[in-house]
Amino acid sequence: MKAINWSNVHCTDHYSRPIRDLDTRNNPADMAAAVARDGYAWPGGYEMVIVTDDNAVLCRECVRAEYDQVYGEAIRRENGRGWKPAAIGIIGCNMEGRVDCDHCGRVISDDEEAAEDE
Protein backbone atom coordinates (compact mmCIF):
# COMPACT_ATOMS: atom_id res chain seq x y z
CA MET A 1 0.00 0.00 0.00
CA LYS A 2 1.28 3.44 -0.94
CA ALA A 3 2.01 5.85 1.93
CA ILE A 4 -0.04 9.04 1.93
CA ASN A 5 1.56 12.39 2.61
CA TRP A 6 -1.11 13.81 4.93
CA SER A 7 0.03 17.39 4.46
CA ASN A 8 -1.06 17.01 0.82
CA VAL A 9 -4.19 14.92 1.33
CA HIS A 10 -6.71 15.18 -1.52
CA CYS A 11 -9.35 17.86 -1.27
CA THR A 12 -12.28 18.74 -3.50
CA ASP A 13 -10.17 20.02 -6.34
CA HIS A 14 -7.73 17.08 -6.12
CA TYR A 15 -4.88 19.23 -4.89
CA SER A 16 -3.69 20.40 -1.53
CA ARG A 17 -5.25 23.51 -0.01
CA PRO A 18 -4.76 25.12 3.39
CA ILE A 19 -7.19 23.83 6.02
CA ARG A 20 -8.80 27.27 6.31
CA ASP A 21 -9.87 26.98 2.65
CA LEU A 22 -11.71 23.68 3.10
CA ASP A 23 -15.52 23.68 3.12
CA THR A 24 -15.93 21.46 6.17
CA ARG A 25 -19.60 22.34 6.63
CA ASN A 26 -20.95 21.26 3.25
CA ASN A 27 -18.37 19.20 1.41
CA PRO A 28 -17.90 15.55 2.47
CA ALA A 29 -14.50 15.27 0.74
CA ASP A 30 -13.24 18.32 2.62
CA MET A 31 -14.59 16.90 5.90
CA ALA A 32 -12.59 13.71 5.35
CA ALA A 33 -9.50 15.71 4.42
CA ALA A 34 -9.70 17.91 7.52
CA VAL A 35 -10.05 15.00 9.94
CA ALA A 36 -7.42 12.84 8.23
CA ARG A 37 -4.90 15.63 7.90
CA ASP A 38 -5.33 17.54 11.15
CA GLY A 39 -7.55 15.57 13.51
CA TYR A 40 -7.84 18.31 16.13
CA ALA A 41 -9.96 21.47 16.14
CA TRP A 42 -8.36 24.83 16.66
CA PRO A 43 -8.67 26.62 18.98
CA GLY A 44 -9.07 24.21 21.85
CA GLY A 45 -7.32 21.10 20.57
CA TYR A 46 -10.52 19.02 20.62
CA GLU A 47 -10.32 15.71 18.76
CA MET A 48 -12.32 15.62 15.52
CA VAL A 49 -14.16 12.59 14.17
CA ILE A 50 -16.27 11.89 11.10
CA VAL A 51 -19.96 11.18 11.52
CA THR A 52 -21.06 9.22 8.45
CA ASP A 53 -24.34 9.31 6.57
CA ASP A 54 -25.51 6.23 8.51
CA ASN A 55 -24.63 7.91 11.88
CA ALA A 56 -21.48 5.89 12.49
CA VAL A 57 -18.47 7.59 14.11
CA LEU A 58 -14.98 7.18 12.62
CA CYS A 59 -11.87 8.23 14.54
CA ARG A 60 -8.97 9.97 12.82
CA GLU A 61 -6.91 6.77 12.66
CA CYS A 62 -9.73 4.91 10.88
CA VAL A 63 -10.36 7.80 8.50
CA ARG A 64 -6.65 7.64 7.62
CA ALA A 65 -6.56 3.83 7.37
CA GLU A 66 -9.70 3.73 5.21
CA TYR A 67 -9.14 7.05 3.43
CA ASP A 68 -9.60 5.62 -0.08
CA GLN A 69 -12.98 4.24 0.96
CA VAL A 70 -14.07 7.40 2.82
CA TYR A 71 -12.89 9.76 0.07
CA GLY A 72 -14.41 7.56 -2.63
CA GLU A 73 -17.80 7.72 -0.95
CA ALA A 74 -17.39 11.44 -0.29
CA ILE A 75 -17.18 12.23 -4.00
CA ARG A 76 -19.96 9.85 -5.09
CA ARG A 77 -23.20 11.58 -6.03
CA GLU A 78 -25.59 8.76 -5.18
CA ASN A 79 -26.20 7.31 -1.74
CA GLY A 80 -23.25 5.33 -0.58
CA ARG A 81 -22.51 2.37 1.58
CA GLY A 82 -22.17 4.17 4.90
CA TRP A 83 -18.66 5.63 4.56
CA LYS A 84 -19.80 9.05 3.31
CA PRO A 85 -18.97 11.89 5.74
CA ALA A 86 -22.08 13.78 6.84
CA ALA A 87 -20.52 15.95 9.55
CA ILE A 88 -17.43 16.55 11.62
CA GLY A 89 -17.92 15.76 15.28
CA ILE A 90 -15.79 17.63 17.79
CA ILE A 91 -15.29 15.65 21.00
CA GLY A 92 -16.04 17.73 24.08
CA CYS A 93 -17.64 20.48 22.05
CA ASN A 94 -20.57 19.24 19.97
CA MET A 95 -20.30 15.59 21.07
CA GLU A 96 -20.52 14.67 24.73
CA GLY A 97 -20.77 11.49 26.76
CA ARG A 98 -19.19 8.22 25.67
CA VAL A 99 -18.08 8.19 22.04
CA ASP A 100 -16.65 5.05 20.43
CA CYS A 101 -15.26 4.56 16.94
CA ASP A 102 -17.71 2.31 15.14
CA HIS A 103 -14.96 0.88 12.93
CA CYS A 104 -12.15 -0.03 15.33
CA GLY A 105 -14.04 0.13 18.65
CA ARG A 106 -11.61 2.60 20.25
CA VAL A 107 -13.09 4.66 23.08
CA ILE A 108 -12.61 8.21 21.84
CA SER A 109 -14.25 9.86 24.82
CA ASP A 110 -15.55 8.37 28.04
CA ASP A 111 -17.10 11.51 29.43
CA GLU A 112 -20.13 9.82 31.05
CA GLU A 113 -19.21 11.09 34.52
CA ALA A 114 -19.21 14.71 33.35
CA ALA A 115 -22.59 14.24 31.67
CA GLU A 116 -24.05 12.74 34.86
CA ASP A 117 -22.76 15.63 37.01
CA GLU A 118 -24.72 18.22 35.04
C-alpha atoms as a PDB file:
ATOM      1  CA  MET A   1       0.000   0.000   0.000  1.00  0.00           C
ATOM      2  CA  LYS A   2       1.276   3.444  -0.939  1.00  0.00           C
ATOM      3  CA  ALA A   3       2.011   5.851   1.930  1.00  0.00           C
ATOM      4  CA  ILE A   4      -0.044   9.042   1.926  1.00  0.00           C
ATOM      5  CA  ASN A   5       1.562  12.395   2.611  1.00  0.00           C
ATOM      6  CA  TRP A   6      -1.108  13.808   4.933  1.00  0.00           C
ATOM      7  CA  SER A   7       0.027  17.387   4.462  1.00  0.00           C
ATOM      8  CA  ASN A   8      -1.056  17.013   0.825  1.00  0.00           C
ATOM      9  CA  VAL A   9      -4.191  14.920   1.327  1.00  0.00           C
ATOM     10  CA  HIS A  10      -6.713  15.179  -1.518  1.00  0.00           C
ATOM     11  CA  CYS A  11      -9.349  17.857  -1.267  1.00  0.00           C
ATOM     12  CA  THR A  12     -12.280  18.741  -3.497  1.00  0.00           C
ATOM     13  CA  ASP A  13     -10.166  20.016  -6.338  1.00  0.00           C
ATOM     14  CA  HIS A  14      -7.730  17.080  -6.116  1.00  0.00           C
ATOM     15  CA  TYR A  15      -4.883  19.234  -4.889  1.00  0.00           C
ATOM     16  CA  SER A  16      -3.686  20.404  -1.534  1.00  0.00           C
ATOM     17  CA  ARG A  17      -5.246  23.509  -0.008  1.00  0.00           C
ATOM     18  CA  PRO A  18      -4.755  25.119   3.390  1.00  0.00           C
ATOM     19  CA  ILE A  19      -7.187  23.831   6.023  1.00  0.00           C
ATOM     20  CA  ARG A  20      -8.796  27.268   6.305  1.00  0.00           C
ATOM     21  CA  ASP A  21      -9.870  26.981   2.647  1.00  0.00           C
ATOM     22  CA  LEU A  22     -11.708  23.685   3.096  1.00  0.00           C
ATOM     23  CA  ASP A  23     -15.518  23.683   3.120  1.00  0.00           C
ATOM     24  CA  THR A  24     -15.930  21.460   6.171  1.00  0.00           C
ATOM     25  CA  ARG A  25     -19.600  22.338   6.632  1.00  0.00           C
ATOM     26  CA  ASN A  26     -20.950  21.262   3.252  1.00  0.00           C
ATOM     27  CA  ASN A  27     -18.368  19.203   1.407  1.00  0.00           C
ATOM     28  CA  PRO A  28     -17.899  15.550   2.470  1.00  0.00           C
ATOM     29  CA  ALA A  29     -14.501  15.275   0.744  1.00  0.00           C
ATOM     30  CA  ASP A  30     -13.240  18.319   2.625  1.00  0.00           C
ATOM     31  CA  MET A  31     -14.595  16.898   5.896  1.00  0.00           C
ATOM     32  CA  ALA A  32     -12.593  13.712   5.353  1.00  0.00           C
ATOM     33  CA  ALA A  33      -9.497  15.706   4.419  1.00  0.00           C
ATOM     34  CA  ALA A  34      -9.703  17.913   7.519  1.00  0.00           C
ATOM     35  CA  VAL A  35     -10.047  14.996   9.943  1.00  0.00           C
ATOM     36  CA  ALA A  36      -7.420  12.835   8.227  1.00  0.00           C
ATOM     37  CA  ARG A  37      -4.898  15.628   7.904  1.00  0.00           C
ATOM     38  CA  ASP A  38      -5.331  17.545  11.152  1.00  0.00           C
ATOM     39  CA  GLY A  39      -7.551  15.573  13.511  1.00  0.00           C
ATOM     40  CA  TYR A  40      -7.841  18.314  16.134  1.00  0.00           C
ATOM     41  CA  ALA A  41      -9.958  21.466  16.142  1.00  0.00           C
ATOM     42  CA  TRP A  42      -8.361  24.827  16.664  1.00  0.00           C
ATOM     43  CA  PRO A  43      -8.674  26.624  18.980  1.00  0.00           C
ATOM     44  CA  GLY A  44      -9.073  24.206  21.848  1.00  0.00           C
ATOM     45  CA  GLY A  45      -7.323  21.104  20.571  1.00  0.00           C
ATOM     46  CA  TYR A  46     -10.515  19.024  20.623  1.00  0.00           C
ATOM     47  CA  GLU A  47     -10.321  15.708  18.764  1.00  0.00           C
ATOM     48  CA  MET A  48     -12.325  15.624  15.518  1.00  0.00           C
ATOM     49  CA  VAL A  49     -14.160  12.586  14.166  1.00  0.00           C
ATOM     50  CA  ILE A  50     -16.267  11.890  11.099  1.00  0.00           C
ATOM     51  CA  VAL A  51     -19.958  11.176  11.524  1.00  0.00           C
ATOM     52  CA  THR A  52     -21.058   9.218   8.453  1.00  0.00           C
ATOM     53  CA  ASP A  53     -24.342   9.308   6.573  1.00  0.00           C
ATOM     54  CA  ASP A  54     -25.509   6.228   8.510  1.00  0.00           C
ATOM     55  CA  ASN A  55     -24.629   7.906  11.876  1.00  0.00           C
ATOM     56  CA  ALA A  56     -21.476   5.887  12.493  1.00  0.00           C
ATOM     57  CA  VAL A  57     -18.473   7.585  14.111  1.00  0.00           C
ATOM     58  CA  LEU A  58     -14.984   7.183  12.622  1.00  0.00           C
ATOM     59  CA  CYS A  59     -11.870   8.230  14.540  1.00  0.00           C
ATOM     60  CA  ARG A  60      -8.969   9.967  12.819  1.00  0.00           C
ATOM     61  CA  GLU A  61      -6.910   6.767  12.656  1.00  0.00           C
ATOM     62  CA  CYS A  62      -9.732   4.907  10.884  1.00  0.00           C
ATOM     63  CA  VAL A  63     -10.355   7.805   8.498  1.00  0.00           C
ATOM     64  CA  ARG A  64      -6.652   7.637   7.617  1.00  0.00           C
ATOM     65  CA  ALA A  65      -6.560   3.829   7.371  1.00  0.00           C
ATOM     66  CA  GLU A  66      -9.697   3.731   5.213  1.00  0.00           C
ATOM     67  CA  TYR A  67      -9.136   7.045   3.427  1.00  0.00           C
ATOM     68  CA  ASP A  68      -9.597   5.623  -0.078  1.00  0.00           C
ATOM     69  CA  GLN A  69     -12.985   4.238   0.962  1.00  0.00           C
ATOM     70  CA  VAL A  70     -14.066   7.400   2.819  1.00  0.00           C
ATOM     71  CA  TYR A  71     -12.888   9.763   0.072  1.00  0.00           C
ATOM     72  CA  GLY A  72     -14.411   7.559  -2.635  1.00  0.00           C
ATOM     73  CA  GLU A  73     -17.804   7.717  -0.945  1.00  0.00           C
ATOM     74  CA  ALA A  74     -17.392  11.443  -0.289  1.00  0.00           C
ATOM     75  CA  ILE A  75     -17.178  12.234  -3.999  1.00  0.00           C
ATOM     76  CA  ARG A  76     -19.963   9.847  -5.092  1.00  0.00           C
ATOM     77  CA  ARG A  77     -23.199  11.584  -6.027  1.00  0.00           C
ATOM     78  CA  GLU A  78     -25.587   8.756  -5.179  1.00  0.00           C
ATOM     79  CA  ASN A  79     -26.199   7.312  -1.744  1.00  0.00           C
ATOM     80  CA  GLY A  80     -23.248   5.331  -0.578  1.00  0.00           C
ATOM     81  CA  ARG A  81     -22.507   2.365   1.580  1.00  0.00           C
ATOM     82  CA  GLY A  82     -22.171   4.169   4.903  1.00  0.00           C
ATOM     83  CA  TRP A  83     -18.664   5.635   4.563  1.00  0.00           C
ATOM     84  CA  LYS A  84     -19.797   9.054   3.308  1.00  0.00           C
ATOM     85  CA  PRO A  85     -18.973  11.889   5.743  1.00  0.00           C
ATOM     86  CA  ALA A  86     -22.084  13.782   6.839  1.00  0.00           C
ATOM     87  CA  ALA A  87     -20.521  15.954   9.546  1.00  0.00           C
ATOM     88  CA  ILE A  88     -17.426  16.553  11.620  1.00  0.00           C
ATOM     89  CA  GLY A  89     -17.925  15.758  15.281  1.00  0.00           C
ATOM     90  CA  ILE A  90     -15.793  17.630  17.795  1.00  0.00           C
ATOM     91  CA  ILE A  91     -15.287  15.648  20.998  1.00  0.00           C
ATOM     92  CA  GLY A  92     -16.038  17.730  24.083  1.00  0.00           C
ATOM     93  CA  CYS A  93     -17.644  20.482  22.053  1.00  0.00           C
ATOM     94  CA  ASN A  94     -20.572  19.238  19.966  1.00  0.00           C
ATOM     95  CA  MET A  95     -20.295  15.587  21.067  1.00  0.00           C
ATOM     96  CA  GLU A  96     -20.524  14.666  24.735  1.00  0.00           C
ATOM     97  CA  GLY A  97     -20.774  11.488  26.764  1.00  0.00           C
ATOM     98  CA  ARG A  98     -19.195   8.218  25.667  1.00  0.00           C
ATOM     99  CA  VAL A  99     -18.080   8.193  22.037  1.00  0.00           C
ATOM    100  CA  ASP A 100     -16.651   5.046  20.428  1.00  0.00           C
ATOM    101  CA  CYS A 101     -15.263   4.564  16.941  1.00  0.00           C
ATOM    102  CA  ASP A 102     -17.715   2.312  15.135  1.00  0.00           C
ATOM    103  CA  HIS A 103     -14.962   0.882  12.930  1.00  0.00           C
ATOM    104  CA  CYS A 104     -12.152  -0.034  15.332  1.00  0.00           C
ATOM    105  CA  GLY A 105     -14.041   0.133  18.649  1.00  0.00           C
ATOM    106  CA  ARG A 106     -11.608   2.598  20.252  1.00  0.00           C
ATOM    107  CA  VAL A 107     -13.089   4.656  23.079  1.00  0.00           C
ATOM    108  CA  ILE A 108     -12.610   8.214  21.844  1.00  0.00           C
ATOM    109  CA  SER A 109     -14.248   9.860  24.822  1.00  0.00           C
ATOM    110  CA  ASP A 110     -15.550   8.369  28.037  1.00  0.00           C
ATOM    111  CA  ASP A 111     -17.105  11.510  29.429  1.00  0.00           C
ATOM    112  CA  GLU A 112     -20.127   9.816  31.045  1.00  0.00           C
ATOM    113  CA  GLU A 113     -19.214  11.095  34.522  1.00  0.00           C
ATOM    114  CA  ALA A 114     -19.210  14.715  33.352  1.00  0.00           C
ATOM    115  CA  ALA A 115     -22.595  14.239  31.670  1.00  0.00           C
ATOM    116  CA  GLU A 116     -24.053  12.737  34.860  1.00  0.00           C
ATOM    117  CA  ASP A 117     -22.757  15.627  37.014  1.00  0.00           C
ATOM    118  CA  GLU A 118     -24.718  18.217  35.044  1.00  0.00           C
END
